[in-house]
Amino acid sequence: MPLNELAVAERIVGEKEARRALSKGLLRKLFVAADAEPGRLDSLLRDAEAAGVEVERVESRLILGRACAIDRSASAAGLLKR
C-alpha cells in the first residue's frame, strides 16, 4: 500500500522507534528513506527481513517525514500491528 497508510494507521516515526517496535514484534510494515545515510539502516533492514516484516522504500527522508505528518525528515517509520 502507498504512503497514505502512515496518515491513517497507528505508526511510529524514527529509526530508534522502528528498532524498538521490531524487537518487540509490534511492527507490521517498515518504511525507509532511500536517501538515508549509506549503511545506517542496514541492520534494521536485515532484522526486518528476518522477522518477515514488509519493507517499502520511500524516495526521500523529507517525503517520509511529511507522510508521517511531522515537520522534519525521517529515515524510517513503521506501521504497528493492530
PDB file of N, CA and C in Angstrom:
ATOM      1  N   MET A   1       0.845  -1.188   0.000  1.00  0.00           N
ATOM      2  CA  MET A   1       0.000   0.000   0.000  1.00  0.00           C
ATOM      3  C   MET A   1       0.885   1.245   0.000  1.00  0.00           C
ATOM      4  N   PRO A   2       0.345   2.341  -0.427  1.00  0.00           N
ATOM      5  CA  PRO A   2       1.140   3.556  -0.541  1.00  0.00           C
ATOM      6  C   PRO A   2       1.389   4.241   0.799  1.00  0.00           C
ATOM      7  N   LEU A   3       2.122   5.336   0.728  1.00  0.00           N
ATOM      8  CA  LEU A   3       2.488   6.102   1.914  1.00  0.00           C
ATOM      9  C   LEU A   3       1.301   6.621   2.707  1.00  0.00           C
ATOM     10  N   ASN A   4       0.137   6.763   2.083  1.00  0.00           N
ATOM     11  CA  ASN A   4      -1.002   7.310   2.822  1.00  0.00           C
ATOM     12  C   ASN A   4      -1.408   6.425   3.991  1.00  0.00           C
ATOM     13  N   GLU A   5      -0.910   5.189   4.023  1.00  0.00           N
ATOM     14  CA  GLU A   5      -1.137   4.319   5.187  1.00  0.00           C
ATOM     15  C   GLU A   5      -0.630   4.985   6.460  1.00  0.00           C
ATOM     16  N   LEU A   6       0.462   5.723   6.350  1.00  0.00           N
ATOM     17  CA  LEU A   6       1.069   6.350   7.520  1.00  0.00           C
ATOM     18  C   LEU A   6       0.187   7.440   8.110  1.00  0.00           C
ATOM     19  N   ALA A   7      -0.704   7.993   7.310  1.00  0.00           N
ATOM     20  CA  ALA A   7      -1.576   9.060   7.790  1.00  0.00           C
ATOM     21  C   ALA A   7      -2.766   8.526   8.573  1.00  0.00           C
ATOM     22  N   VAL A   8      -3.157   7.285   8.312  1.00  0.00           N
ATOM     23  CA  VAL A   8      -4.387   6.780   8.917  1.00  0.00           C
ATOM     24  C   VAL A   8      -4.181   5.631   9.901  1.00  0.00           C
ATOM     25  N   ALA A   9      -3.020   5.040   9.921  1.00  0.00           N
ATOM     26  CA  ALA A   9      -2.790   3.884  10.794  1.00  0.00           C
ATOM     27  C   ALA A   9      -1.943   4.285  12.004  1.00  0.00           C
ATOM     28  N   GLU A  10      -1.941   3.434  13.016  1.00  0.00           N
ATOM     29  CA  GLU A  10      -1.082   3.655  14.172  1.00  0.00           C
ATOM     30  C   GLU A  10       0.355   3.443  13.721  1.00  0.00           C
ATOM     31  N   ARG A  11       1.193   4.438  13.971  1.00  0.00           N
ATOM     32  CA  ARG A  11       2.540   4.416  13.409  1.00  0.00           C
ATOM     33  C   ARG A  11       3.597   4.825  14.427  1.00  0.00           C
ATOM     34  N   ILE A  12       4.832   4.520  14.058  1.00  0.00           N
ATOM     35  CA  ILE A  12       5.987   5.019  14.798  1.00  0.00           C
ATOM     36  C   ILE A  12       6.850   5.760  13.785  1.00  0.00           C
ATOM     37  N   VAL A  13       7.609   6.730  14.266  1.00  0.00           N
ATOM     38  CA  VAL A  13       8.464   7.520  13.385  1.00  0.00           C
ATOM     39  C   VAL A  13       9.864   7.558  13.974  1.00  0.00           C
ATOM     40  N   GLY A  14      10.835   7.276  13.149  1.00  0.00           N
ATOM     41  CA  GLY A  14      12.226   7.344  13.563  1.00  0.00           C
ATOM     42  C   GLY A  14      12.886   5.982  13.621  1.00  0.00           C
ATOM     43  N   GLU A  15      14.186   6.012  13.416  1.00  0.00           N
ATOM     44  CA  GLU A  15      14.964   4.776  13.392  1.00  0.00           C
ATOM     45  C   GLU A  15      14.927   4.052  14.740  1.00  0.00           C
ATOM     46  N   LYS A  16      15.117   4.784  15.830  1.00  0.00           N
ATOM     47  CA  LYS A  16      15.126   4.151  17.160  1.00  0.00           C
ATOM     48  C   LYS A  16      13.776   3.529  17.490  1.00  0.00           C
ATOM     49  N   GLU A  17      12.714   4.255  17.195  1.00  0.00           N
ATOM     50  CA  GLU A  17      11.374   3.724  17.459  1.00  0.00           C
ATOM     51  C   GLU A  17      11.100   2.487  16.611  1.00  0.00           C
ATOM     52  N   ALA A  18      11.574   2.508  15.374  1.00  0.00           N
ATOM     53  CA  ALA A  18      11.391   1.348  14.494  1.00  0.00           C
ATOM     54  C   ALA A  18      12.135   0.137  15.048  1.00  0.00           C
ATOM     55  N   ARG A  19      13.354   0.349  15.533  1.00  0.00           N
ATOM     56  CA  ARG A  19      14.129  -0.753  16.124  1.00  0.00           C
ATOM     57  C   ARG A  19      13.415  -1.331  17.349  1.00  0.00           C
ATOM     58  N   ARG A  20      12.907  -0.444  18.201  1.00  0.00           N
ATOM     59  CA  ARG A  20      12.196  -0.906  19.408  1.00  0.00           C
ATOM     60  C   ARG A  20      10.963  -1.725  19.048  1.00  0.00           C
ATOM     61  N   ALA A  21      10.150  -1.197  18.144  1.00  0.00           N
ATOM     62  CA  ALA A  21       8.919  -1.890  17.752  1.00  0.00           C
ATOM     63  C   ALA A  21       9.234  -3.229  17.094  1.00  0.00           C
ATOM     64  N   LEU A  22      10.273  -3.265  16.281  1.00  0.00           N
ATOM     65  CA  LEU A  22      10.667  -4.502  15.611  1.00  0.00           C
ATOM     66  C   LEU A  22      11.139  -5.536  16.623  1.00  0.00           C
ATOM     67  N   SER A  23      11.933  -5.110  17.595  1.00  0.00           N
ATOM     68  CA  SER A  23      12.448  -6.057  18.593  1.00  0.00           C
ATOM     69  C   SER A  23      11.337  -6.614  19.479  1.00  0.00           C
ATOM     70  N   LYS A  24      10.252  -5.867  19.633  1.00  0.00           N
ATOM     71  CA  LYS A  24       9.118  -6.324  20.441  1.00  0.00           C
ATOM     72  C   LYS A  24       8.074  -7.075  19.612  1.00  0.00           C
ATOM     73  N   GLY A  25       8.311  -7.176  18.302  1.00  0.00           N
ATOM     74  CA  GLY A  25       7.373  -7.880  17.435  1.00  0.00           C
ATOM     75  C   GLY A  25       6.109  -7.100  17.139  1.00  0.00           C
ATOM     76  N   LEU A  26       6.176  -5.780  17.239  1.00  0.00           N
ATOM     77  CA  LEU A  26       4.994  -4.941  17.051  1.00  0.00           C
ATOM     78  C   LEU A  26       4.879  -4.336  15.659  1.00  0.00           C
ATOM     79  N   LEU A  27       5.913  -4.497  14.848  1.00  0.00           N
ATOM     80  CA  LEU A  27       5.960  -3.829  13.557  1.00  0.00           C
ATOM     81  C   LEU A  27       5.340  -4.683  12.455  1.00  0.00           C
ATOM     82  N   ARG A  28       4.435  -4.074  11.716  1.00  0.00           N
ATOM     83  CA  ARG A  28       3.765  -4.749  10.598  1.00  0.00           C
ATOM     84  C   ARG A  28       4.420  -4.406   9.266  1.00  0.00           C
ATOM     85  N   LYS A  29       4.842  -3.154   9.116  1.00  0.00           N
ATOM     86  CA  LYS A  29       5.461  -2.702   7.870  1.00  0.00           C
ATOM     87  C   LYS A  29       6.467  -1.610   8.195  1.00  0.00           C
ATOM     88  N   LEU A  30       7.588  -1.644   7.501  1.00  0.00           N
ATOM     89  CA  LEU A  30       8.660  -0.677   7.712  1.00  0.00           C
ATOM     90  C   LEU A  30       8.840   0.164   6.453  1.00  0.00           C
ATOM     91  N   PHE A  31       8.921   1.472   6.627  1.00  0.00           N
ATOM     92  CA  PHE A  31       9.219   2.391   5.537  1.00  0.00           C
ATOM     93  C   PHE A  31      10.609   2.959   5.790  1.00  0.00           C
ATOM     94  N   VAL A  32      11.465   2.959   4.778  1.00  0.00           N
ATOM     95  CA  VAL A  32      12.805   3.526   4.917  1.00  0.00           C
ATOM     96  C   VAL A  32      13.066   4.494   3.772  1.00  0.00           C
ATOM     97  N   ALA A  33      13.760   5.569   4.090  1.00  0.00           N
ATOM     98  CA  ALA A  33      14.080   6.581   3.091  1.00  0.00           C
ATOM     99  C   ALA A  33      15.288   6.146   2.274  1.00  0.00           C
ATOM    100  N   ALA A  34      15.180   6.267   0.972  1.00  0.00           N
ATOM    101  CA  ALA A  34      16.265   5.865   0.075  1.00  0.00           C
ATOM    102  C   ALA A  34      17.490   6.759   0.228  1.00  0.00           C
ATOM    103  N   ASP A  35      17.302   7.985   0.711  1.00  0.00           N
ATOM    104  CA  ASP A  35      18.435   8.897   0.850  1.00  0.00           C
ATOM    105  C   ASP A  35      19.009   8.934   2.265  1.00  0.00           C
ATOM    106  N   ALA A  36      18.693   7.941   3.076  1.00  0.00           N
ATOM    107  CA  ALA A  36      19.291   7.851   4.414  1.00  0.00           C
ATOM    108  C   ALA A  36      20.786   7.585   4.262  1.00  0.00           C
ATOM    109  N   GLU A  37      21.547   7.912   5.300  1.00  0.00           N
ATOM    110  CA  GLU A  37      22.996   7.684   5.257  1.00  0.00           C
ATOM    111  C   GLU A  37      23.296   6.254   4.848  1.00  0.00           C
ATOM    112  N   PRO A  38      24.208   6.075   3.905  1.00  0.00           N
ATOM    113  CA  PRO A  38      24.553   4.713   3.475  1.00  0.00           C
ATOM    114  C   PRO A  38      25.022   3.858   4.654  1.00  0.00           C
ATOM    115  N   GLY A  39      24.453   2.687   4.760  1.00  0.00           N
ATOM    116  CA  GLY A  39      24.833   1.759   5.815  1.00  0.00           C
ATOM    117  C   GLY A  39      24.114   1.944   7.133  1.00  0.00           C
ATOM    118  N   ARG A  40      23.498   3.091   7.341  1.00  0.00           N
ATOM    119  CA  ARG A  40      22.878   3.385   8.631  1.00  0.00           C
ATOM    120  C   ARG A  40      21.712   2.452   8.959  1.00  0.00           C
ATOM    121  N   LEU A  41      20.929   2.103   7.961  1.00  0.00           N
ATOM    122  CA  LEU A  41      19.738   1.294   8.200  1.00  0.00           C
ATOM    123  C   LEU A  41      19.922  -0.180   7.842  1.00  0.00           C
ATOM    124  N   ASP A  42      21.141  -0.568   7.486  1.00  0.00           N
ATOM    125  CA  ASP A  42      21.386  -1.948   7.045  1.00  0.00           C
ATOM    126  C   ASP A  42      20.947  -2.988   8.070  1.00  0.00           C
ATOM    127  N   SER A  43      21.323  -2.797   9.330  1.00  0.00           N
ATOM    128  CA  SER A  43      20.956  -3.793  10.346  1.00  0.00           C
ATOM    129  C   SER A  43      19.450  -3.806  10.584  1.00  0.00           C
ATOM    130  N   LEU A  44      18.822  -2.645  10.513  1.00  0.00           N
ATOM    131  CA  LEU A  44      17.367  -2.576  10.665  1.00  0.00           C
ATOM    132  C   LEU A  44      16.679  -3.330   9.530  1.00  0.00           C
ATOM    133  N   LEU A  45      17.167  -3.152   8.321  1.00  0.00           N
ATOM    134  CA  LEU A  45      16.595  -3.851   7.168  1.00  0.00           C
ATOM    135  C   LEU A  45      16.800  -5.360   7.275  1.00  0.00           C
ATOM    136  N   ARG A  46      17.971  -5.786   7.726  1.00  0.00           N
ATOM    137  CA  ARG A  46      18.226  -7.227   7.908  1.00  0.00           C
ATOM    138  C   ARG A  46      17.288  -7.814   8.956  1.00  0.00           C
ATOM    139  N   ASP A  47      17.138  -7.102  10.064  1.00  0.00           N
ATOM    140  CA  ASP A  47      16.262  -7.586  11.134  1.00  0.00           C
ATOM    141  C   ASP A  47      14.806  -7.646  10.676  1.00  0.00           C
ATOM    142  N   ALA A  48      14.383  -6.659   9.905  1.00  0.00           N
ATOM    143  CA  ALA A  48      13.009  -6.649   9.391  1.00  0.00           C
ATOM    144  C   ALA A  48      12.790  -7.828   8.449  1.00  0.00           C
ATOM    145  N   GLU A  49      13.757  -8.084   7.594  1.00  0.00           N
ATOM    146  CA  GLU A  49      13.648  -9.212   6.668  1.00  0.00           C
ATOM    147  C   GLU A  49      13.587 -10.532   7.435  1.00  0.00           C
ATOM    148  N   ALA A  50      14.426 -10.662   8.449  1.00  0.00           N
ATOM    149  CA  ALA A  50      14.443 -11.888   9.251  1.00  0.00           C
ATOM    150  C   ALA A  50      13.123 -12.097   9.989  1.00  0.00           C
ATOM    151  N   ALA A  51      12.479 -10.990  10.375  1.00  0.00           N
ATOM    152  CA  ALA A  51      11.216 -11.072  11.103  1.00  0.00           C
ATOM    153  C   ALA A  51      10.016 -11.197  10.164  1.00  0.00           C
ATOM    154  N   GLY A  52      10.253 -11.113   8.865  1.00  0.00           N
ATOM    155  CA  GLY A  52       9.160 -11.214   7.906  1.00  0.00           C
ATOM    156  C   GLY A  52       8.327  -9.952   7.793  1.00  0.00           C
ATOM    157  N   VAL A  53       8.910  -8.814   8.152  1.00  0.00           N
ATOM    158  CA  VAL A  53       8.207  -7.536   8.085  1.00  0.00           C
ATOM    159  C   VAL A  53       8.369  -6.958   6.680  1.00  0.00           C
ATOM    160  N   GLU A  54       7.267  -6.530   6.100  1.00  0.00           N
ATOM    161  CA  GLU A  54       7.295  -5.922   4.769  1.00  0.00           C
ATOM    162  C   GLU A  54       8.063  -4.604   4.827  1.00  0.00           C
ATOM    163  N   VAL A  55       8.913  -4.360   3.837  1.00  0.00           N
ATOM    164  CA  VAL A  55       9.711  -3.134   3.775  1.00  0.00           C
ATOM    165  C   VAL A  55       9.371  -2.387   2.493  1.00  0.00           C
ATOM    166  N   GLU A  56       9.141  -1.091   2.639  1.00  0.00           N
ATOM    167  CA  GLU A  56       8.882  -0.243   1.474  1.00  0.00           C
ATOM    168  C   GLU A  56       9.866   0.917   1.488  1.00  0.00           C
ATOM    169  N   ARG A  57      10.516   1.135   0.366  1.00  0.00           N
ATOM    170  CA  ARG A  57      11.457   2.254   0.244  1.00  0.00           C
ATOM    171  C   ARG A  57      10.704   3.496  -0.225  1.00  0.00           C
ATOM    172  N   VAL A  58      11.094   4.620   0.358  1.00  0.00           N
ATOM    173  CA  VAL A  58      10.489   5.910   0.047  1.00  0.00           C
ATOM    174  C   VAL A  58      11.575   6.785  -0.572  1.00  0.00           C
ATOM    175  N   GLU A  59      11.197   7.611  -1.500  1.00  0.00           N
ATOM    176  CA  GLU A  59      12.147   8.418  -2.269  1.00  0.00           C
ATOM    177  C   GLU A  59      13.095   9.250  -1.404  1.00  0.00           C
ATOM    178  N   SER A  60      12.564   9.901  -0.362  1.00  0.00           N
ATOM    179  CA  SER A  60      13.431  10.766   0.444  1.00  0.00           C
ATOM    180  C   SER A  60      12.956  10.837   1.892  1.00  0.00           C
ATOM    181  N   ARG A  61      13.860  11.292   2.754  1.00  0.00           N
ATOM    182  CA  ARG A  61      13.537  11.461   4.174  1.00  0.00           C
ATOM    183  C   ARG A  61      12.469  12.531   4.363  1.00  0.00           C
ATOM    184  N   LEU A  62      12.540  13.575   3.552  1.00  0.00           N
ATOM    185  CA  LEU A  62      11.556  14.651   3.651  1.00  0.00           C
ATOM    186  C   LEU A  62      10.153  14.149   3.311  1.00  0.00           C
ATOM    187  N   ILE A  63      10.037  13.379   2.246  1.00  0.00           N
ATOM    188  CA  ILE A  63       8.735  12.816   1.860  1.00  0.00           C
ATOM    189  C   ILE A  63       8.210  11.894   2.955  1.00  0.00           C
ATOM    190  N   LEU A  64       9.084  11.092   3.537  1.00  0.00           N
ATOM    191  CA  LEU A  64       8.663  10.190   4.608  1.00  0.00           C
ATOM    192  C   LEU A  64       8.196  10.978   5.827  1.00  0.00           C
ATOM    193  N   GLY A  65       8.915  12.017   6.185  1.00  0.00           N
ATOM    194  CA  GLY A  65       8.502  12.864   7.304  1.00  0.00           C
ATOM    195  C   GLY A  65       7.144  13.501   7.070  1.00  0.00           C
ATOM    196  N   ARG A  66       6.937  14.016   5.883  1.00  0.00           N
ATOM    197  CA  ARG A  66       5.644  14.634   5.549  1.00  0.00           C
ATOM    198  C   ARG A  66       4.513  13.614   5.580  1.00  0.00           C
ATOM    199  N   ALA A  67       4.786  12.408   5.110  1.00  0.00           N
ATOM    200  CA  ALA A  67       3.761  11.354   5.129  1.00  0.00           C
ATOM    201  C   ALA A  67       3.368  11.003   6.560  1.00  0.00           C
ATOM    202  N   CYS A  68       4.292  11.213   7.493  1.00  0.00           N
ATOM    203  CA  CYS A  68       4.024  10.936   8.910  1.00  0.00           C
ATOM    204  C   CYS A  68       3.467  12.158   9.630  1.00  0.00           C
ATOM    205  N   ALA A  69       3.224  13.229   8.890  1.00  0.00           N
ATOM    206  CA  ALA A  69       2.662  14.469   9.433  1.00  0.00           C
ATOM    207  C   ALA A  69       3.581  15.117  10.459  1.00  0.00           C
ATOM    208  N   ILE A  70       4.893  15.086  10.190  1.00  0.00           N
ATOM    209  CA  ILE A  70       5.840  15.794  11.046  1.00  0.00           C
ATOM    210  C   ILE A  70       6.553  16.846  10.204  1.00  0.00           C
ATOM    211  N   ASP A  71       7.101  17.853  10.872  1.00  0.00           N
ATOM    212  CA  ASP A  71       7.729  18.979  10.179  1.00  0.00           C
ATOM    213  C   ASP A  71       9.222  18.792   9.961  1.00  0.00           C
ATOM    214  N   ARG A  72       9.683  17.570   9.964  1.00  0.00           N
ATOM    215  CA  ARG A  72      11.102  17.305   9.725  1.00  0.00           C
ATOM    216  C   ARG A  72      11.229  16.008   8.944  1.00  0.00           C
ATOM    217  N   SER A  73      12.431  15.706   8.552  1.00  0.00           N
ATOM    218  CA  SER A  73      12.642  14.481   7.780  1.00  0.00           C
ATOM    219  C   SER A  73      12.717  13.270   8.704  1.00  0.00           C
ATOM    220  N   ALA A  74      12.530  12.088   8.130  1.00  0.00           N
ATOM    221  CA  ALA A  74      12.596  10.839   8.892  1.00  0.00           C
ATOM    222  C   ALA A  74      13.263   9.772   8.031  1.00  0.00           C
ATOM    223  N   SER A  75      14.205   9.051   8.626  1.00  0.00           N
ATOM    224  CA  SER A  75      14.889   7.974   7.899  1.00  0.00           C
ATOM    225  C   SER A  75      14.061   6.705   7.866  1.00  0.00           C
ATOM    226  N   ALA A  76      13.254   6.519   8.906  1.00  0.00           N
ATOM    227  CA  ALA A  76      12.450   5.296   8.997  1.00  0.00           C
ATOM    228  C   ALA A  76      11.131   5.599   9.693  1.00  0.00           C
ATOM    229  N   ALA A  77      10.149   4.793   9.372  1.00  0.00           N
ATOM    230  CA  ALA A  77       8.840   4.859  10.020  1.00  0.00           C
ATOM    231  C   ALA A  77       8.217   3.481   9.878  1.00  0.00           C
ATOM    232  N   GLY A  78       7.210   3.231  10.667  1.00  0.00           N
ATOM    233  CA  GLY A  78       6.595   1.921  10.569  1.00  0.00           C
ATOM    234  C   GLY A  78       5.147   1.915  10.989  1.00  0.00           C
ATOM    235  N   LEU A  79       4.450   0.905  10.519  1.00  0.00           N
ATOM    236  CA  LEU A  79       3.061   0.674  10.911  1.00  0.00           C
ATOM    237  C   LEU A  79       3.048  -0.411  11.970  1.00  0.00           C
ATOM    238  N   LEU A  80       2.288  -0.173  13.008  1.00  0.00           N
ATOM    239  CA  LEU A  80       2.188  -1.145  14.088  1.00  0.00           C
ATOM    240  C   LEU A  80       1.089  -2.156  13.806  1.00  0.00           C
ATOM    241  N   LYS A  81       1.278  -3.343  14.339  1.00  0.00           N
ATOM    242  CA  LYS A  81       0.244  -4.371  14.207  1.00  0.00           C
ATOM    243  C   LYS A  81      -0.976  -3.923  14.978  1.00  0.00           C
ATOM    244  N   ARG A  82      -2.131  -4.329  14.505  1.00  0.00           N
ATOM    245  CA  ARG A  82      -3.384  -3.923  15.170  1.00  0.00           C
ATOM    246  C   ARG A  82      -3.733  -4.855  16.277  1.00  0.00           C
TER     247      ARG A  82
END
